Amino acid sequence: MARGVIFSKHFSGTIDTSDTRASAPSFPEPDITLASGKTLRILARNLDSEHINRFIQSATLNGVPLDNAWFRHQQVANGGTLVVTMGSAPTKWGTTNPPPSMSDSSSTFCAAMQP
């Protein structure tokens, strides 16, 4: 299943490159088969069919709290589980550490992409 169907909004790159940005999932328990053949399972707690609970309140990746609204491919390259808890109002979850920017020359990843 395409990642764009599972996470309905913000993306950067693809699931097999540098980083993936998390947003409200469209399905409660999708599984993504990675290029390696491993599985990334996504569990969306409190996701409702009325789409009232459309804001991520908290998340864990492989049992570790995920404070960023993004994660690196290396974190899921061997499969894993992303659990997001949904709610009806926005919180400050994911707002303290923005994802890397291609225009940030101080980023190791971005500097490697410069000519």
C-alpha atoms as a PDB file:
ATOM      1  CA  MET A   1       0.000   0.000   0.000  1.00  0.00           C
ATOM      2  CA  ALA A   2       1.350   3.412  -0.892  1.00  0.00           C
ATOM      3  CA  ARG A   3       2.558   5.538   1.967  1.00  0.00           C
ATOM      4  CA  GLY A   4       0.500   8.479   0.695  1.00  0.00           C
ATOM      5  CA  VAL A   5      -2.678   6.561   1.437  1.00  0.00           C
ATOM      6  CA  ILE A   6      -1.568   5.735   4.970  1.00  0.00           C
ATOM      7  CA  PHE A   7      -0.292   9.158   5.978  1.00  0.00           C
ATOM      8  CA  SER A   8      -2.649  11.649   4.440  1.00  0.00           C
ATOM      9  CA  LYS A   9      -0.546  14.789   4.373  1.00  0.00           C
ATOM     10  CA  HIS A  10       3.113  15.815   4.723  1.00  0.00           C
ATOM     11  CA  PHE A  11       5.906  13.820   3.121  1.00  0.00           C
ATOM     12  CA  SER A  12       9.575  14.171   2.413  1.00  0.00           C
ATOM     13  CA  GLY A  13      11.332  11.747   0.145  1.00  0.00           C
ATOM     14  CA  THR A  14      10.132   8.171   0.033  1.00  0.00           C
ATOM     15  CA  ILE A  15      10.015   5.408   2.606  1.00  0.00           C
ATOM     16  CA  ASP A  16      13.357   4.106   1.311  1.00  0.00           C
ATOM     17  CA  THR A  17      15.283   7.398   1.498  1.00  0.00           C
ATOM     18  CA  SER A  18      16.276   9.781   4.248  1.00  0.00           C
ATOM     19  CA  ASP A  19      13.237  10.854   6.257  1.00  0.00           C
ATOM     20  CA  THR A  20       9.501  10.400   6.494  1.00  0.00           C
ATOM     21  CA  ARG A  21       7.144  12.904   8.065  1.00  0.00           C
ATOM     22  CA  ALA A  22       4.259  11.594  10.133  1.00  0.00           C
ATOM     23  CA  SER A  23       0.742  12.963   9.933  1.00  0.00           C
ATOM     24  CA  ALA A  24      -2.760  11.661  10.535  1.00  0.00           C
ATOM     25  CA  PRO A  25      -3.041   8.125   9.146  1.00  0.00           C
ATOM     26  CA  SER A  26      -5.978   7.212   6.936  1.00  0.00           C
ATOM     27  CA  PHE A  27      -6.248   3.632   8.239  1.00  0.00           C
ATOM     28  CA  PRO A  28      -6.075   2.296  11.817  1.00  0.00           C
ATOM     29  CA  GLU A  29      -3.606  -0.582  11.305  1.00  0.00           C
ATOM     30  CA  PRO A  30      -1.803  -0.558   7.959  1.00  0.00           C
ATOM     31  CA  ASP A  31       1.325  -2.574   7.282  1.00  0.00           C
ATOM     32  CA  ILE A  32       3.957  -1.343   4.815  1.00  0.00           C
ATOM     33  CA  THR A  33       6.262  -3.863   3.191  1.00  0.00           C
ATOM     34  CA  LEU A  34       9.646  -2.193   2.803  1.00  0.00           C
ATOM     35  CA  ALA A  35      12.074  -2.796  -0.058  1.00  0.00           C
ATOM     36  CA  SER A  36      14.036  -5.068   2.307  1.00  0.00           C
ATOM     37  CA  GLY A  37      10.977  -7.299   2.652  1.00  0.00           C
ATOM     38  CA  LYS A  38      10.565  -6.255   6.302  1.00  0.00           C
ATOM     39  CA  THR A  39       7.292  -4.803   7.574  1.00  0.00           C
ATOM     40  CA  LEU A  40       6.572  -1.419   9.131  1.00  0.00           C
ATOM     41  CA  ARG A  41       3.344  -1.715  11.128  1.00  0.00           C
ATOM     42  CA  ILE A  42       1.415   1.432  11.984  1.00  0.00           C
ATOM     43  CA  LEU A  43      -1.129   1.418  14.803  1.00  0.00           C
ATOM     44  CA  ALA A  44      -3.368   4.480  15.099  1.00  0.00           C
ATOM     45  CA  ARG A  45      -5.023   4.465  18.506  1.00  0.00           C
ATOM     46  CA  ASN A  46      -8.293   6.413  18.816  1.00  0.00           C
ATOM     47  CA  LEU A  47      -8.596   6.917  15.038  1.00  0.00           C
ATOM     48  CA  ASP A  48     -12.298   7.368  14.330  1.00  0.00           C
ATOM     49  CA  SER A  49     -14.385   7.050  11.179  1.00  0.00           C
ATOM     50  CA  GLU A  50     -15.788  10.579  11.633  1.00  0.00           C
ATOM     51  CA  HIS A  51     -12.233  11.998  11.426  1.00  0.00           C
ATOM     52  CA  ILE A  52     -12.717  13.982  14.626  1.00  0.00           C
ATOM     53  CA  ASN A  53      -9.521  12.518  16.106  1.00  0.00           C
ATOM     54  CA  ARG A  54      -7.212  13.738  13.368  1.00  0.00           C
ATOM     55  CA  PHE A  55      -4.361  15.148  15.453  1.00  0.00           C
ATOM     56  CA  ILE A  56      -1.408  13.090  16.677  1.00  0.00           C
ATOM     57  CA  GLN A  57      -1.138  13.447  20.455  1.00  0.00           C
ATOM     58  CA  SER A  58       1.897  11.216  20.946  1.00  0.00           C
ATOM     59  CA  ALA A  59       3.850   8.519  19.174  1.00  0.00           C
ATOM     60  CA  THR A  60       6.287   5.694  19.775  1.00  0.00           C
ATOM     61  CA  LEU A  61       8.600   4.034  17.285  1.00  0.00           C
ATOM     62  CA  ASN A  62       9.616   0.510  18.248  1.00  0.00           C
ATOM     63  CA  GLY A  63       8.514   1.208  21.827  1.00  0.00           C
ATOM     64  CA  VAL A  64      10.581   4.393  22.188  1.00  0.00           C
ATOM     65  CA  PRO A  65       8.795   7.767  22.503  1.00  0.00           C
ATOM     66  CA  LEU A  66       8.950   9.671  19.216  1.00  0.00           C
ATOM     67  CA  ASP A  67       8.925  13.411  19.882  1.00  0.00           C
ATOM     68  CA  ASN A  68       9.629  14.373  16.260  1.00  0.00           C
ATOM     69  CA  ALA A  69       6.934  14.463  13.597  1.00  0.00           C
ATOM     70  CA  TRP A  70       9.420  12.632  11.371  1.00  0.00           C
ATOM     71  CA  PHE A  71      11.773   9.677  11.457  1.00  0.00           C
ATOM     72  CA  ARG A  72      14.771   8.408   9.507  1.00  0.00           C
ATOM     73  CA  HIS A  73      14.627   5.421   7.199  1.00  0.00           C
ATOM     74  CA  GLN A  74      17.407   3.765   9.206  1.00  0.00           C
ATOM     75  CA  GLN A  75      15.032   3.643  12.182  1.00  0.00           C
ATOM     76  CA  VAL A  76      12.616   1.377  10.291  1.00  0.00           C
ATOM     77  CA  ALA A  77      14.898  -0.284   7.717  1.00  0.00           C
ATOM     78  CA  ASN A  78      14.562  -3.626   9.516  1.00  0.00           C
ATOM     79  CA  GLY A  79      10.837  -3.201  10.087  1.00  0.00           C
ATOM     80  CA  GLY A  80       9.181  -1.979  13.217  1.00  0.00           C
ATOM     81  CA  THR A  81       6.064  -0.547  14.760  1.00  0.00           C
ATOM     82  CA  LEU A  82       4.925   3.060  14.791  1.00  0.00           C
ATOM     83  CA  VAL A  83       2.128   3.701  17.291  1.00  0.00           C
ATOM     84  CA  VAL A  84       0.344   7.051  17.111  1.00  0.00           C
ATOM     85  CA  THR A  85      -2.297   8.140  19.585  1.00  0.00           C
ATOM     86  CA  MET A  86      -4.873  10.387  17.961  1.00  0.00           C
ATOM     87  CA  GLY A  87      -7.021  13.138  19.511  1.00  0.00           C
ATOM     88  CA  SER A  88      -9.519  15.818  18.528  1.00  0.00           C
ATOM     89  CA  ALA A  89      -7.327  18.852  19.256  1.00  0.00           C
ATOM     90  CA  PRO A  90      -3.790  19.793  18.240  1.00  0.00           C
ATOM     91  CA  THR A  91      -1.006  19.549  20.793  1.00  0.00           C
ATOM     92  CA  LYS A  92       2.639  20.582  20.789  1.00  0.00           C
ATOM     93  CA  TRP A  93       3.665  17.055  19.766  1.00  0.00           C
ATOM     94  CA  GLY A  94       6.222  17.126  16.974  1.00  0.00           C
ATOM     95  CA  THR A  95       6.789  20.888  17.051  1.00  0.00           C
ATOM     96  CA  THR A  96      10.145  21.166  18.839  1.00  0.00           C
ATOM     97  CA  ASN A  97      12.496  19.550  16.307  1.00  0.00           C
ATOM     98  CA  PRO A  98      11.748  20.283  12.635  1.00  0.00           C
ATOM     99  CA  PRO A  99      12.816  17.803   9.965  1.00  0.00           C
ATOM    100  CA  PRO A 100      16.052  18.391   8.065  1.00  0.00           C
ATOM    101  CA  SER A 101      15.810  20.952   5.298  1.00  0.00           C
ATOM    102  CA  MET A 102      17.515  20.600   1.936  1.00  0.00           C
ATOM    103  CA  SER A 103      18.502  24.267   2.295  1.00  0.00           C
ATOM    104  CA  ASP A 104      20.293  23.700   5.625  1.00  0.00           C
ATOM    105  CA  SER A 105      23.953  23.363   4.680  1.00  0.00           C
ATOM    106  CA  SER A 106      24.839  22.507   8.298  1.00  0.00           C
ATOM    107  CA  SER A 107      22.865  19.256   8.031  1.00  0.00           C
ATOM    108  CA  THR A 108      25.127  16.288   7.242  1.00  0.00           C
ATOM    109  CA  PHE A 109      22.556  14.831   4.848  1.00  0.00           C
ATOM    110  CA  CYS A 110      21.912  18.128   3.107  1.00  0.00           C
ATOM    111  CA  ALA A 111      25.596  19.056   2.835  1.00  0.00           C
ATOM    112  CA  ALA A 112      26.226  15.765   1.020  1.00  0.00           C
ATOM    113  CA  MET A 113      23.602  16.736  -1.553  1.00  0.00           C
ATOM    114  CA  GLN A 114      25.255  20.103  -2.350  1.00  0.00           C
ATOM    115  CA  PRO A 115      27.173  20.371  -5.668  1.00  0.00           C
END
